[in-house]
Amino acid sequence: MLLASLKRLEATIEAETEALAANGALDLDAVNRAKSQSLLELTRLARSVEAGALDADTGIVLARLRDKLIRNQEAVALHLRAVEEIGDVLQASLQAAESDGTYSPRPGR
């Protein structure tokens, strides 16, 4: 059961990362629901599993999941930086459009 839950989370994370990398369409609500569901499942399952009792297959999936989470974090961070830059450009454009030029330096001075 733990292995199945980890694999579902892995598939969700991988799909999100690939969509972000390809600038593809992404249903953020669906992705967030899937990740929240996986977190809930894993939290419940973790209560009944001892760390020393994990088999090799589960260890491999956990290591692979860790790597995919790191890659996902990088992709999400890149998109957040892009959103911030777009927001800054829009804010500057709006401020420039609202300005009547009163406090702007005059040409020729």
Protein backbone atom coordinates (compact mmCIF):
# COMPACT_ATOMS: atom_id res chain seq x y z
CA MET A 1 0.00 0.00 0.00
CA LEU A 2 2.85 2.39 0.86
CA LEU A 3 4.60 1.61 -2.39
CA ALA A 4 1.44 2.27 -4.41
CA SER A 5 0.94 5.61 -2.65
CA LEU A 6 4.54 6.63 -3.30
CA LYS A 7 4.24 5.71 -6.97
CA ARG A 8 1.04 7.78 -7.32
CA LEU A 9 2.79 10.78 -5.78
CA GLU A 10 5.79 10.20 -8.03
CA ALA A 11 3.56 10.18 -11.13
CA THR A 12 1.80 13.37 -10.01
CA ILE A 13 5.08 15.19 -9.35
CA GLU A 14 6.58 14.00 -12.63
CA ALA A 15 3.53 15.11 -14.63
CA GLU A 16 3.58 18.55 -13.01
CA THR A 17 7.31 18.98 -13.62
CA GLU A 18 7.01 17.93 -17.27
CA ALA A 19 4.09 20.30 -17.85
CA LEU A 20 6.03 23.17 -16.27
CA ALA A 21 9.15 22.40 -18.28
CA ALA A 22 7.18 22.26 -21.53
CA ASN A 23 5.09 25.34 -20.67
CA GLY A 24 2.11 23.07 -21.18
CA ALA A 25 -1.40 23.39 -19.87
CA LEU A 26 -1.61 22.49 -16.22
CA ASP A 27 -4.70 22.10 -14.05
CA LEU A 28 -3.26 23.44 -10.81
CA ASP A 29 -6.37 22.56 -8.82
CA ALA A 30 -6.16 18.94 -9.92
CA VAL A 31 -2.43 18.74 -9.24
CA ASN A 32 -2.82 20.30 -5.81
CA ARG A 33 -5.67 17.93 -4.95
CA ALA A 34 -3.61 14.93 -6.02
CA LYS A 35 -0.59 16.09 -4.02
CA SER A 36 -2.74 16.79 -0.95
CA GLN A 37 -4.36 13.37 -1.23
CA SER A 38 -0.95 11.72 -1.49
CA LEU A 39 0.31 13.64 1.52
CA LEU A 40 -2.71 12.53 3.54
CA GLU A 41 -2.23 8.91 2.49
CA LEU A 42 1.47 8.97 3.28
CA THR A 43 0.89 10.60 6.66
CA ARG A 44 -1.57 7.89 7.60
CA LEU A 45 0.63 5.09 6.28
CA ALA A 46 3.77 6.45 7.95
CA ARG A 47 2.21 5.93 11.37
CA SER A 48 2.15 2.19 10.85
CA VAL A 49 5.51 1.72 9.12
CA GLU A 50 8.87 1.51 10.86
CA ALA A 51 11.79 3.05 8.99
CA GLY A 52 13.89 -0.08 9.46
CA ALA A 53 11.14 -2.26 8.03
CA LEU A 54 11.19 -0.68 4.55
CA ASP A 55 12.18 -3.05 1.77
CA ALA A 56 14.65 -2.28 -1.03
CA ASP A 57 11.94 -1.49 -3.58
CA THR A 58 10.41 1.13 -1.30
CA GLY A 59 13.86 2.63 -0.68
CA ILE A 60 14.48 2.90 -4.41
CA VAL A 61 11.12 4.59 -4.98
CA LEU A 62 11.79 7.01 -2.10
CA ALA A 63 15.18 7.95 -3.54
CA ARG A 64 13.69 8.43 -7.00
CA LEU A 65 10.84 10.49 -5.52
CA ARG A 66 13.35 12.70 -3.68
CA ASP A 67 15.16 13.43 -6.95
CA LYS A 68 11.90 14.20 -8.73
CA LEU A 69 10.83 16.51 -5.90
CA ILE A 70 14.08 18.44 -6.21
CA ARG A 71 13.57 18.81 -9.97
CA ASN A 72 9.94 19.84 -9.38
CA GLN A 73 11.00 22.44 -6.83
CA GLU A 74 13.42 23.95 -9.34
CA ALA A 75 10.73 24.09 -12.05
CA VAL A 76 8.18 25.69 -9.72
CA ALA A 77 10.76 28.23 -8.50
CA LEU A 78 11.60 29.16 -12.09
CA HIS A 79 7.94 29.78 -12.89
CA LEU A 80 7.46 31.81 -9.71
CA ARG A 81 10.40 34.03 -10.65
CA ALA A 82 8.87 34.52 -14.11
CA VAL A 83 5.53 35.47 -12.57
CA GLU A 84 7.28 37.97 -10.29
CA GLU A 85 9.09 39.53 -13.25
CA ILE A 86 5.86 39.81 -15.23
CA GLY A 87 4.20 41.40 -12.21
CA ASP A 88 7.03 43.92 -11.91
CA VAL A 89 6.75 44.84 -15.60
CA LEU A 90 2.98 45.24 -15.33
CA GLN A 91 3.31 47.36 -12.22
CA ALA A 92 5.87 49.64 -13.87
CA SER A 93 3.67 49.93 -16.96
CA LEU A 94 0.62 50.83 -14.89
CA GLN A 95 2.55 53.43 -12.91
CA ALA A 96 3.90 54.95 -16.11
CA ALA A 97 0.43 55.05 -17.66
CA GLU A 98 -1.07 56.73 -14.58
CA SER A 99 1.66 59.35 -14.34
CA ASP A 100 0.93 62.75 -15.85
CA GLY A 101 4.64 63.52 -16.18
CA THR A 102 4.67 66.26 -13.55
CA TYR A 103 7.66 64.87 -11.70
CA SER A 104 9.45 63.41 -14.71
CA PRO A 105 12.68 65.01 -15.90
CA ARG A 106 12.08 67.28 -18.85
CA PRO A 107 13.83 66.61 -22.14
CA GLY A 108 16.79 68.85 -22.74
CA ARG A 109 17.62 69.45 -19.08
